[in-house]
C-alpha cells in the first residue's frame, strides 16, 4: 500500500530519525568503552585510567579519527551528492557505515580499530550531509522545524541508548563488553536503509533533474488530503510551479556551476548563505558539547573524581536528561523561531562552562556535585537551542542550486570542528585542567552577537520564499493549503542585518 499524507510524513521523519539515531549512537558509544576493563586490556596503549600508562593523545586520536572519516564523507557528498540524489547517497552511507562498524567490532589492534572508525565515519558523513536536506525538502513549511527537531531528538535518544548499552555490558567481563555495543550500529544502519528503499526522492531534486511527472506524484502524496484530490489539483500545481520558478530564477541569475556559485555573492547572496550554514555548525561544536558527549565518563572520573561504575551510571542519567531536553524544540521551534532558541542556548551554555571551570578548580566534594549539575544543565541548553537548528539552517538558507553542496560544506565544518574538540579534550584536561572549560565559556558568549546580527528567521516560510530573505524582496504569505497556515508575513531585510520574519497576528 502506498503511503500518503500524514502517514507518509511520519514515515519520512522516522527514517530520517533512524539515520540520526545511528549518528547519535556512534557519538556516544565510545564514551563508556574507553575506561572499561576489557577495552583497556585489549588496547593498553590508550589506557589513561589511574592504573594505566596509556597516551591521552593517542586516546584522543582513536576517538577523533572517526570525525575525520565523517569529514571525508561530507566532502564526498559535496562532489557526488547532487549527481546521486538524496536517496542513493543515504543508501551508500548506510552500507559504508555497516562495513566500518564490522571492522571496529572485530578489531584486535589500534590500527585495525582506527581503519574501522574512519570507514564508519565516511558513511556517517554521507548520511549527515544528506538526511536533513532530504527531510527538509519533503516537509511542509509550517512543520519543517518540528520534523527536524524530532529527528534530532531521536539522535539524542541514540546517545542516551549508547550510554545505557555501555553500562549494561560493563558487567560482562569478556570482550563482548565492547564488541557488541559497537556492532549494534549495524542494526540501525540496516533499519535506515530499509526505510529509504521504500520512501520517495526529493521532488525538488527530481524537478531540477527534469523528472517533473515523478515529482508531481510525490508532491501529491505529501498532501494531507491526497486521497480526495488528483495529481493535477491546484495545490499540487502551485507547489510544482513555485519550485520550477525558483529553479528558473537561479538559472537566470547565473549559469555558473554550483561549485562556483558557493563562493559568489550575486543577487542571491550564495556565499553569505553558505557561510551562515557553516557558521551554525561551527558554533554547535565549538560550544563544547562533544567535550561531554564523547568524554562524559572520563570527565566524571578524572575531573569530578567518581569511580568507574558511578561515572557510567551518571553518564546514563545525563543521556536521559539530554534526551528529554531535546524534545522541547519539537513544540517551540516553529513558534519561537530559530534565532531566539539559539541565543537562549549560547548564553546558558556559556554560564554552565564558566561555573564548571570554577567547580573543577575548587575540587571539593560540594564543588563536584555542582559540576555534575552543570554538565546536566549544559546538555539542557544545548538540546533546546543548538542541537537541531544548525542541522536545519543549511537546508533552509541554501537555494536549490547549491543546497546539496552547501549542506555538505556545513556538515564538513561540523565534523572538522568536532575532530578538533574531541582530539584536544583529553590532552587539554590532562594538562590545563579547569582552564579547558574557560575557553569554551568564552566561545559561547561570543556566539550571541553573531546570531543576533547575522542570522535571519526563516520559520513559517517555504524553502522558495526563504530565498527572498536574502534578495531584499518583501514576502507576503497568504492562505496556502499545502503550507498549513494562514495570514500575512512581511519580511524586511536591511543590508544583511536584523533579518527577521515579523509574524502576522493570526497564523493558524
Protein backbone atom coordinates (compact mmCIF):
# COMPACT_ATOMS: atom_id res chain seq x y z
CA UNK A 1 0.00 0.00 0.00
CA UNK A 2 1.35 3.45 -0.99
CA UNK A 3 1.60 5.85 1.93
CA UNK A 4 0.16 9.35 1.54
CA UNK A 5 -0.43 12.40 3.74
CA UNK A 6 0.49 12.26 7.40
CA UNK A 7 1.43 8.54 7.46
CA UNK A 8 3.98 9.28 4.71
CA UNK A 9 5.27 12.35 6.59
CA UNK A 10 5.71 10.29 9.76
CA UNK A 11 7.47 7.50 7.83
CA UNK A 12 9.89 10.07 6.38
CA UNK A 13 10.53 11.55 9.84
CA UNK A 14 11.00 8.09 11.37
CA UNK A 15 13.52 7.06 8.71
CA UNK A 16 15.42 10.34 8.97
CA UNK A 17 15.34 9.88 12.74
CA UNK A 18 16.69 6.34 12.41
CA UNK A 19 19.65 7.70 10.44
CA UNK A 20 20.31 10.28 13.14
CA UNK A 21 19.74 7.73 15.92
CA UNK A 22 22.63 5.87 14.32
CA UNK A 23 24.63 9.11 14.30
CA UNK A 24 23.92 9.75 17.99
CA UNK A 25 24.67 6.17 19.00
CA UNK A 26 28.01 6.37 17.15
CA UNK A 27 28.89 9.56 19.00
CA UNK A 28 28.11 8.27 22.47
CA UNK A 29 29.11 4.61 22.37
CA UNK A 30 32.87 5.14 22.83
CA UNK A 31 32.36 7.23 25.98
CA UNK A 32 31.68 4.26 28.27
CA UNK A 33 34.03 1.86 26.49
CA UNK A 34 37.25 3.86 26.82
CA UNK A 35 37.68 3.08 30.54
CA UNK A 36 36.12 -0.41 30.52
CA UNK A 37 38.27 -3.31 31.80
CA UNK A 38 38.02 -5.43 28.64
CA UNK A 39 38.71 -2.48 26.33
CA UNK A 40 41.81 -1.24 28.15
CA UNK A 41 43.07 -4.83 28.45
CA UNK A 42 42.81 -5.28 24.67
CA UNK A 43 44.13 -1.77 23.88
CA UNK A 44 46.52 -0.83 26.74
CA UNK A 45 48.11 1.86 24.56
CA UNK A 46 45.14 4.15 25.27
CA UNK A 47 44.52 3.19 28.91
CA UNK A 48 44.57 6.57 30.69
CA UNK A 49 42.92 5.34 33.89
CA UNK A 50 44.80 5.86 37.16
CA UNK A 51 46.24 2.35 36.95
CA UNK A 52 47.17 2.65 33.26
CA UNK A 53 50.07 4.25 31.42
CA UNK A 54 48.49 4.86 28.04
CA UNK A 55 48.69 8.02 25.98
CA UNK A 56 45.89 10.60 26.32
CA UNK A 57 46.96 11.93 22.92
CA UNK A 58 46.52 8.50 21.30
CA UNK A 59 43.17 8.09 23.06
CA UNK A 60 42.03 11.39 21.59
CA UNK A 61 43.20 10.34 18.14
CA UNK A 62 41.42 6.97 18.24
CA UNK A 63 38.16 8.66 19.21
CA UNK A 64 38.53 11.73 16.99
CA UNK A 65 39.68 9.88 13.84
CA UNK A 66 36.02 8.97 13.38
CA UNK A 67 35.35 12.67 12.75
CA UNK A 68 37.99 12.72 10.01
CA UNK A 69 36.05 9.90 8.33
CA UNK A 70 32.83 11.90 8.72
CA UNK A 71 34.57 14.94 7.25
CA UNK A 72 35.70 12.86 4.24
CA UNK A 73 32.15 11.56 3.82
CA UNK A 74 30.81 15.12 3.76
CA UNK A 75 33.42 16.11 1.16
CA UNK A 76 32.44 13.10 -0.99
CA UNK A 77 28.83 14.27 -0.75
CA UNK A 78 29.98 17.71 -1.87
CA UNK A 79 31.24 16.24 -5.14
CA UNK A 80 28.82 13.40 -5.89
CA UNK A 81 25.73 14.04 -3.75
CA UNK A 82 23.88 16.17 -6.30
CA UNK A 83 24.55 13.64 -9.05
CA UNK A 84 23.45 10.62 -7.00
CA UNK A 85 20.36 12.17 -5.46
CA UNK A 86 19.31 12.16 -1.81
CA UNK A 87 18.17 8.54 -1.52
CA UNK A 88 21.17 6.88 -3.18
CA UNK A 89 23.57 8.97 -1.13
CA UNK A 90 21.91 7.85 2.13
CA UNK A 91 21.85 4.21 0.97
CA UNK A 92 25.58 4.35 0.24
CA UNK A 93 26.20 5.90 3.65
CA UNK A 94 24.37 3.08 5.45
CA UNK A 95 26.31 0.37 3.61
CA UNK A 96 29.71 2.02 4.18
CA UNK A 97 28.94 2.65 7.86
CA UNK A 98 28.00 -1.01 8.35
CA UNK A 99 31.36 -2.11 6.90
CA UNK A 100 33.18 0.27 9.24
CA UNK A 101 31.23 -0.96 12.27
CA UNK A 102 32.05 -4.58 11.39
CA UNK A 103 35.76 -3.70 11.22
CA UNK A 104 35.62 -1.92 14.59
CA UNK A 105 33.87 -4.68 16.48
CA UNK A 106 36.36 -7.24 15.11
CA UNK A 107 39.47 -5.14 15.90
CA UNK A 108 42.41 -6.65 17.76
CA UNK A 109 44.87 -3.79 17.27
CA UNK A 110 44.82 0.01 17.30
CA UNK A 111 45.44 0.34 13.51
CA UNK A 112 42.56 -2.08 12.83
CA UNK A 113 40.28 -0.06 15.12
CA UNK A 114 41.32 3.23 13.50
CA UNK A 115 40.62 1.96 9.96
CA UNK A 116 37.15 0.80 11.04
CA UNK A 117 36.39 4.16 12.65
CA UNK A 118 37.45 6.08 9.54
CA UNK A 119 35.30 3.93 7.22
CA UNK A 120 32.29 4.17 9.55
CA UNK A 121 32.85 7.91 9.65
CA UNK A 122 32.74 8.18 5.86
CA UNK A 123 29.31 6.51 5.87
CA UNK A 124 28.05 8.76 8.63
CA UNK A 125 29.39 11.83 6.83
CA UNK A 126 27.36 10.91 3.75
CA UNK A 127 24.25 10.40 5.88
CA UNK A 128 24.53 13.56 7.97
CA UNK A 129 25.17 15.69 4.86
CA UNK A 130 22.11 14.36 3.08
CA UNK A 131 19.40 13.33 5.55
CA UNK A 132 18.50 16.87 6.78
CA UNK A 133 18.28 18.11 3.16
CA UNK A 134 16.13 15.14 2.09
CA UNK A 135 13.88 15.57 5.14
CA UNK A 136 13.54 19.36 4.71
CA UNK A 137 12.69 19.09 1.03
CA UNK A 138 9.89 16.64 1.81
CA UNK A 139 8.46 18.74 4.68
CA UNK A 140 5.79 21.46 4.83
CA UNK A 141 6.82 24.97 5.77
CA UNK A 142 4.74 25.09 8.97
CA UNK A 143 6.11 21.80 10.33
CA UNK A 144 9.62 21.69 8.87
CA UNK A 145 11.28 22.83 12.09
CA UNK A 146 9.20 20.39 14.16
CA UNK A 147 10.16 17.50 11.87
CA UNK A 148 13.87 18.26 12.12
CA UNK A 149 13.55 18.72 15.89
CA UNK A 150 12.00 15.24 16.16
CA UNK A 151 14.85 13.87 14.03
CA UNK A 152 17.47 15.37 16.34
CA UNK A 153 15.57 14.25 19.47
CA UNK A 154 15.86 10.71 18.10
CA UNK A 155 19.55 11.46 17.58
CA UNK A 156 19.90 12.15 21.31
CA UNK A 157 17.89 9.04 22.09
CA UNK A 158 20.74 7.28 20.27
CA UNK A 159 23.30 8.99 22.53
CA UNK A 160 21.27 8.02 25.61
CA UNK A 161 20.87 4.46 24.36
CA UNK A 162 24.62 4.12 23.83
CA UNK A 163 25.33 5.17 27.43
CA UNK A 164 22.93 2.56 28.84
CA UNK A 165 24.16 -0.16 26.48
CA UNK A 166 27.71 0.61 27.67
CA UNK A 167 26.54 0.46 31.29
CA UNK A 168 24.72 -2.83 30.80
CA UNK A 169 27.67 -4.50 29.08
CA UNK A 170 30.11 -3.20 31.71
CA UNK A 171 29.03 -6.18 33.84
CA UNK A 172 30.26 -8.57 31.15
CA UNK A 173 33.93 -9.33 31.74
CA UNK A 174 34.59 -10.75 28.27
CA UNK A 175 35.44 -8.73 25.16
CA UNK A 176 31.72 -8.69 24.35
CA UNK A 177 31.81 -5.77 26.79
CA UNK A 178 32.90 -3.51 23.92
CA UNK A 179 32.42 -5.58 20.75
CA UNK A 180 28.63 -5.97 20.95
CA UNK A 181 27.89 -2.28 21.71
CA UNK A 182 29.96 -1.32 18.66
CA UNK A 183 28.29 -3.99 16.47
CA UNK A 184 24.84 -2.65 17.34
CA UNK A 185 25.49 0.23 14.92
CA UNK A 186 24.89 -2.19 12.04
CA UNK A 187 21.29 -2.83 13.13
CA UNK A 188 20.43 0.88 12.98
CA UNK A 189 22.11 1.23 9.58
CA UNK A 190 20.00 -1.63 8.20
CA UNK A 191 16.78 -0.08 9.56
CA UNK A 192 17.63 3.26 7.91
CA UNK A 193 18.49 1.53 4.62
CA UNK A 194 15.18 -0.37 4.58
CA UNK A 195 13.23 2.84 5.24
CA UNK A 196 14.97 4.76 2.44
CA UNK A 197 14.32 1.98 -0.08
CA UNK A 198 10.54 2.39 0.34
CA UNK A 199 10.34 6.20 0.59
CA UNK A 200 10.34 8.85 -2.17
CA UNK A 201 13.10 11.01 -3.57
CA UNK A 202 13.04 14.78 -3.02
CA UNK A 203 10.60 16.35 -5.52
CA UNK A 204 12.84 19.41 -5.72
CA UNK A 205 15.79 17.27 -6.82
CA UNK A 206 13.58 15.48 -9.36
CA UNK A 207 12.28 18.71 -10.92
CA UNK A 208 15.79 20.12 -11.11
CA UNK A 209 16.87 16.99 -12.99
CA UNK A 210 13.96 17.04 -15.45
CA UNK A 211 11.59 14.50 -13.87
CA UNK A 212 8.58 16.69 -13.21
CA UNK A 213 5.96 13.94 -13.55
CA UNK A 214 7.51 11.84 -10.78
CA UNK A 215 7.97 14.95 -8.62
CA UNK A 216 4.31 15.88 -9.13
CA UNK A 217 3.25 12.41 -7.95
CA UNK A 218 5.38 12.74 -4.80
CA UNK A 219 4.05 16.24 -4.05
CA UNK A 220 0.52 14.84 -4.39
CA UNK A 221 1.37 12.01 -1.97
CA UNK A 222 2.62 14.52 0.59
CA UNK A 223 -0.74 16.36 0.78
CA UNK A 224 -2.86 15.64 3.86
CA UNK A 225 -5.94 15.26 1.66
CA UNK A 226 -4.17 13.33 -1.12
CA UNK A 227 -6.92 10.72 -1.40
CA UNK A 228 -9.52 13.43 -2.03
CA UNK A 229 -7.65 15.18 -4.88
CA UNK A 230 -5.78 14.17 -8.02
CA UNK A 231 -2.26 14.95 -9.22
CA UNK A 232 -3.45 17.95 -11.26
CA UNK A 233 -5.12 19.66 -8.32
CA UNK A 234 -4.44 23.38 -7.87
CA UNK A 235 -2.49 22.72 -4.64
CA UNK A 236 -0.10 20.36 -6.41
CA UNK A 237 0.19 22.68 -9.42
CA UNK A 238 1.07 25.59 -7.15
CA UNK A 239 3.89 23.66 -5.45
CA UNK A 240 5.29 22.42 -8.77
CA UNK A 241 5.11 25.93 -10.23
CA UNK A 242 6.86 27.54 -7.23
CA UNK A 243 9.71 25.02 -7.29
CA UNK A 244 10.11 25.27 -11.06
CA UNK A 245 10.08 29.08 -10.90
CA UNK A 246 12.76 29.10 -8.18
CA UNK A 247 14.95 26.84 -10.33
CA UNK A 248 14.48 29.08 -13.39
CA UNK A 249 15.30 32.22 -11.39
CA UNK A 250 18.50 30.63 -10.09
CA UNK A 251 19.49 29.61 -13.61
CA UNK A 252 18.75 33.13 -14.92
CA UNK A 253 20.91 34.76 -12.26
CA UNK A 254 23.96 32.67 -13.12
CA UNK A 255 24.95 29.90 -15.47
CA UNK A 256 28.00 29.07 -13.36
CA UNK A 257 28.44 25.63 -11.86
CA UNK A 258 27.14 25.14 -8.33
CA UNK A 259 30.76 24.91 -7.13
CA UNK A 260 31.43 28.47 -8.29
CA UNK A 261 28.06 29.64 -7.02
CA UNK A 262 29.03 28.59 -3.49
CA UNK A 263 31.65 31.35 -3.46
CA UNK A 264 29.76 34.06 -5.34
CA UNK A 265 27.75 36.88 -3.79
CA UNK A 266 25.40 37.86 -6.58
CA UNK A 267 21.78 38.90 -6.09
CA UNK A 268 21.02 35.56 -4.41
CA UNK A 269 23.95 36.03 -1.94
CA UNK A 270 25.09 32.43 -2.19
CA UNK A 271 28.37 32.86 -0.29
CA UNK A 272 26.69 34.64 2.62
CA UNK A 273 24.06 31.91 2.88
CA UNK A 274 26.67 29.15 2.71
CA UNK A 275 28.75 30.81 5.43
CA UNK A 276 25.69 31.06 7.69
CA UNK A 277 25.15 27.30 7.43
CA UNK A 278 28.83 26.60 8.08
CA UNK A 279 28.84 29.07 10.99
CA UNK A 280 25.89 27.37 12.68
CA UNK A 281 27.64 24.01 12.56
CA UNK A 282 30.88 25.56 13.83
CA UNK A 283 29.05 27.14 16.77
CA UNK A 284 27.40 23.83 17.60
CA UNK A 285 30.72 22.05 18.01
CA UNK A 286 32.95 24.80 19.40
CA UNK A 287 30.33 25.25 22.13
CA UNK A 288 31.87 22.18 23.79
CA UNK A 289 29.01 19.67 23.50
CA UNK A 290 31.24 16.80 22.42
CA UNK A 291 33.52 17.51 25.33
CA UNK A 292 30.61 15.97 27.26
CA UNK A 293 29.15 13.53 24.71
CA UNK A 294 32.41 11.71 23.98
CA UNK A 295 34.09 12.06 27.36
CA UNK A 296 31.25 12.16 29.91
CA UNK A 297 32.57 9.12 31.74
CA UNK A 298 36.17 10.39 31.59
CA UNK A 299 35.10 13.79 32.99
CA UNK A 300 33.10 12.22 35.83
CA UNK A 301 36.11 10.05 36.74
CA UNK A 302 39.09 12.37 36.13
CA UNK A 303 37.65 15.85 36.74
CA UNK A 304 34.91 15.15 39.29
CA UNK A 305 36.60 12.16 40.98
CA UNK A 306 33.94 9.42 40.72
CA UNK A 307 34.59 5.69 40.47
CA UNK A 308 34.05 3.97 37.10
CA UNK A 309 30.66 2.42 37.91
CA UNK A 310 29.20 5.65 39.28
CA UNK A 311 30.58 7.59 36.31
CA UNK A 312 28.90 5.20 33.86
CA UNK A 313 25.62 5.47 35.77
CA UNK A 314 25.74 9.29 35.84
CA UNK A 315 26.57 9.39 32.13
CA UNK A 316 23.48 7.26 31.53
CA UNK A 317 21.21 9.58 33.54
CA UNK A 318 22.80 12.57 31.80
CA UNK A 319 21.82 10.96 28.48
CA UNK A 320 18.22 10.59 29.70
CA UNK A 321 18.06 14.26 30.72
CA UNK A 322 19.66 15.25 27.40
CA UNK A 323 17.01 13.28 25.51
CA UNK A 324 14.11 14.96 27.32
CA UNK A 325 15.59 18.43 26.78
CA UNK A 326 15.98 17.66 23.07
CA UNK A 327 12.19 17.21 22.88
CA UNK A 328 11.49 20.83 23.89
CA UNK A 329 12.14 22.28 20.38
CA UNK A 330 9.52 19.94 18.90
CA UNK A 331 6.84 22.18 20.42
CA UNK A 332 8.54 25.59 20.31
CA UNK A 333 10.86 25.78 17.27
CA UNK A 334 8.08 26.77 14.85
CA UNK A 335 6.53 29.13 17.41
CA UNK A 336 9.52 30.95 18.88
CA UNK A 337 11.75 30.61 15.83
CA UNK A 338 15.38 29.63 15.34
CA UNK A 339 17.13 32.82 16.47
CA UNK A 340 15.60 33.09 19.94
CA UNK A 341 16.33 29.47 20.80
CA UNK A 342 19.94 29.74 19.63
CA UNK A 343 20.58 32.91 21.65
CA UNK A 344 18.97 31.36 24.74
CA UNK A 345 21.20 28.31 24.35
CA UNK A 346 24.57 30.02 23.95
CA UNK A 347 24.05 32.25 26.99
CA UNK A 348 23.07 29.26 29.15
CA UNK A 349 25.93 27.13 27.83
CA UNK A 350 28.46 29.89 28.49
CA UNK A 351 27.27 30.24 32.08
CA UNK A 352 27.45 26.46 32.63
CA UNK A 353 31.01 26.24 31.31
CA UNK A 354 32.11 29.19 33.46
CA UNK A 355 30.65 27.65 36.62
CA UNK A 356 32.06 24.24 35.65
CA UNK A 357 35.54 25.77 35.44
CA UNK A 358 35.18 27.17 38.96
CA UNK A 359 33.98 23.89 40.45
CA UNK A 360 36.74 21.85 38.82
CA UNK A 361 39.28 24.41 40.11
CA UNK A 362 37.86 24.07 43.64
CA UNK A 363 38.00 20.27 43.57
CA UNK A 364 35.93 19.73 46.73
CA UNK A 365 33.05 17.28 47.20
CA UNK A 366 30.38 20.00 47.12
CA UNK A 367 32.01 21.51 44.04
CA UNK A 368 31.92 18.08 42.40
CA UNK A 369 28.16 17.94 42.92
CA UNK A 370 27.75 21.39 41.37
CA UNK A 371 29.95 20.32 38.44
CA UNK A 372 27.66 17.34 37.85
CA UNK A 373 24.63 19.63 37.81
CA UNK A 374 26.39 21.93 35.32
CA UNK A 375 27.05 19.02 32.97
CA UNK A 376 23.34 18.16 33.06
CA UNK A 377 22.32 21.82 32.58
CA UNK A 378 24.71 22.32 29.66
CA UNK A 379 23.05 19.44 27.83
CA UNK A 380 19.65 21.00 28.57
CA UNK A 381 20.54 24.35 27.00
CA UNK A 382 22.22 22.66 24.05
CA UNK A 383 19.28 20.33 23.47
CA UNK A 384 16.85 23.26 23.41
CA UNK A 385 18.74 25.63 21.13
CA UNK A 386 21.82 24.29 19.35
CA UNK A 387 21.07 20.63 18.75
CA UNK A 388 18.62 20.67 15.84
CA UNK A 389 18.82 24.17 14.42
CA UNK A 390 22.36 24.09 12.93
CA UNK A 391 21.35 20.95 11.01
CA UNK A 392 18.19 22.67 9.77
CA UNK A 393 19.63 26.03 8.70
CA UNK A 394 21.86 24.88 5.79
CA UNK A 395 18.84 23.24 4.14
CA UNK A 396 16.65 26.29 4.84
CA UNK A 397 19.07 29.05 3.92
CA UNK A 398 20.56 27.49 0.78
CA UNK A 399 18.77 27.78 -2.57
CA UNK A 400 18.17 24.61 -4.56
CA UNK A 401 21.03 25.37 -6.97
CA UNK A 402 23.62 24.88 -4.20
CA UNK A 403 21.63 23.14 -1.44
CA UNK A 404 23.38 19.76 -1.62
CA UNK A 405 26.86 21.23 -1.76
CA UNK A 406 26.18 23.97 0.78
CA UNK A 407 24.81 21.40 3.25
CA UNK A 408 27.84 19.19 2.58
CA UNK A 409 30.21 22.09 3.38
CA UNK A 410 28.26 22.86 6.55
CA UNK A 411 28.42 19.21 7.60
CA UNK A 412 32.14 19.05 6.80
CA UNK A 413 32.58 22.11 9.05
CA UNK A 414 30.70 20.31 11.81
CA UNK A 415 32.93 17.27 11.59
CA UNK A 416 36.27 19.07 11.35
CA UNK A 417 35.31 21.17 14.40
CA UNK A 418 34.17 18.01 16.20
CA UNK A 419 37.55 16.43 15.40
CA UNK A 420 39.30 19.47 16.85
CA UNK A 421 37.30 19.32 20.10
CA UNK A 422 37.49 15.54 20.52
CA UNK A 423 41.22 15.46 19.70
CA UNK A 424 42.29 18.19 22.11
CA UNK A 425 39.90 17.46 25.01
CA UNK A 426 41.80 14.62 26.78
CA UNK A 427 45.12 16.42 26.30
CA UNK A 428 43.65 19.74 27.46
CA UNK A 429 42.01 18.25 30.57
CA UNK A 430 45.24 16.41 31.39
CA UNK A 431 47.47 19.49 31.00
CA UNK A 432 45.45 22.61 31.92
CA UNK A 433 42.52 21.11 33.85
CA UNK A 434 39.77 23.59 34.70
CA UNK A 435 41.03 26.17 32.15
CA UNK A 436 39.65 23.88 29.42
CA UNK A 437 36.15 24.93 30.40
CA UNK A 438 37.02 28.65 30.48
CA UNK A 439 37.77 28.91 26.77
CA UNK A 440 34.56 27.05 25.92
CA UNK A 441 32.65 29.57 28.08
CA UNK A 442 34.23 32.45 26.15
CA UNK A 443 33.33 30.86 22.80
CA UNK A 444 29.67 30.54 23.79
CA UNK A 445 29.33 34.15 24.91
CA UNK A 446 30.93 35.32 21.63
CA UNK A 447 28.30 33.45 19.60
CA UNK A 448 25.44 35.62 20.90
CA UNK A 449 26.20 38.77 18.83
CA UNK A 450 26.91 36.65 15.74
CA UNK A 451 23.43 35.11 15.92
CA UNK A 452 21.75 38.41 16.74
CA UNK A 453 23.23 40.41 13.87
CA UNK A 454 23.65 37.92 11.05
CA UNK A 455 21.09 35.09 11.25
CA UNK A 456 17.62 35.62 9.68
CA UNK A 457 14.44 34.00 10.94
CA UNK A 458 13.08 31.50 8.34
CA UNK A 459 10.20 29.95 10.26
CA UNK A 460 6.83 29.54 8.52
CA UNK A 461 8.37 30.28 5.11
CA UNK A 462 8.65 27.74 2.30
CA UNK A 463 12.15 26.99 1.05
CA UNK A 464 11.41 29.05 -2.06
CA UNK A 465 10.14 32.02 -0.01
CA UNK A 466 13.26 31.97 2.17
CA UNK A 467 15.21 32.96 -0.96
CA UNK A 468 13.56 36.38 -0.72
CA UNK A 469 15.01 36.92 2.75
CA UNK A 470 18.35 37.36 1.04
CA UNK A 471 17.35 39.23 -2.12
CA UNK A 472 15.75 42.18 -0.33
CA UNK A 473 12.22 41.44 -1.59
CA UNK A 474 9.16 41.58 0.64
CA UNK A 475 7.44 38.27 1.19
CA UNK A 476 3.67 38.19 1.53
CA UNK A 477 2.23 34.86 2.63
CA UNK A 478 -1.46 34.12 2.15
CA UNK A 479 -3.54 31.01 2.75
CA UNK A 480 -1.83 28.06 1.13
CA UNK A 481 -3.33 24.62 1.87
CA UNK A 482 -0.04 22.75 1.39
CA UNK A 483 1.74 25.08 3.85
CA UNK A 484 -0.92 24.62 6.50
CA UNK A 485 -1.08 28.24 7.69
CA UNK A 486 -2.98 31.48 7.11
CA UNK A 487 -2.21 35.16 7.39
CA UNK A 488 0.33 37.65 6.12
CA UNK A 489 4.01 37.62 6.98
CA UNK A 490 6.16 40.55 5.90
CA UNK A 491 9.90 40.05 5.77
CA UNK A 492 12.16 43.07 5.99
CA UNK A 493 15.81 42.97 5.01
CA UNK A 494 18.25 45.71 5.95
CA UNK A 495 21.67 45.27 4.36
CA UNK A 496 22.13 41.79 5.77
CA UNK A 497 21.40 42.90 9.32
CA UNK A 498 18.38 42.35 11.50
CA UNK A 499 16.94 39.80 9.07
CA UNK A 500 13.78 38.98 10.97
CA UNK A 501 10.44 37.50 9.95
CA UNK A 502 7.68 39.54 11.57
CA UNK A 503 4.72 37.33 12.46
CA UNK A 504 1.19 38.04 11.45
CA UNK A 505 -1.31 38.36 14.24
CA UNK A 506 -3.36 35.42 13.05
CA UNK A 507 -1.22 32.49 11.97
CA UNK A 508 -3.07 29.27 12.49
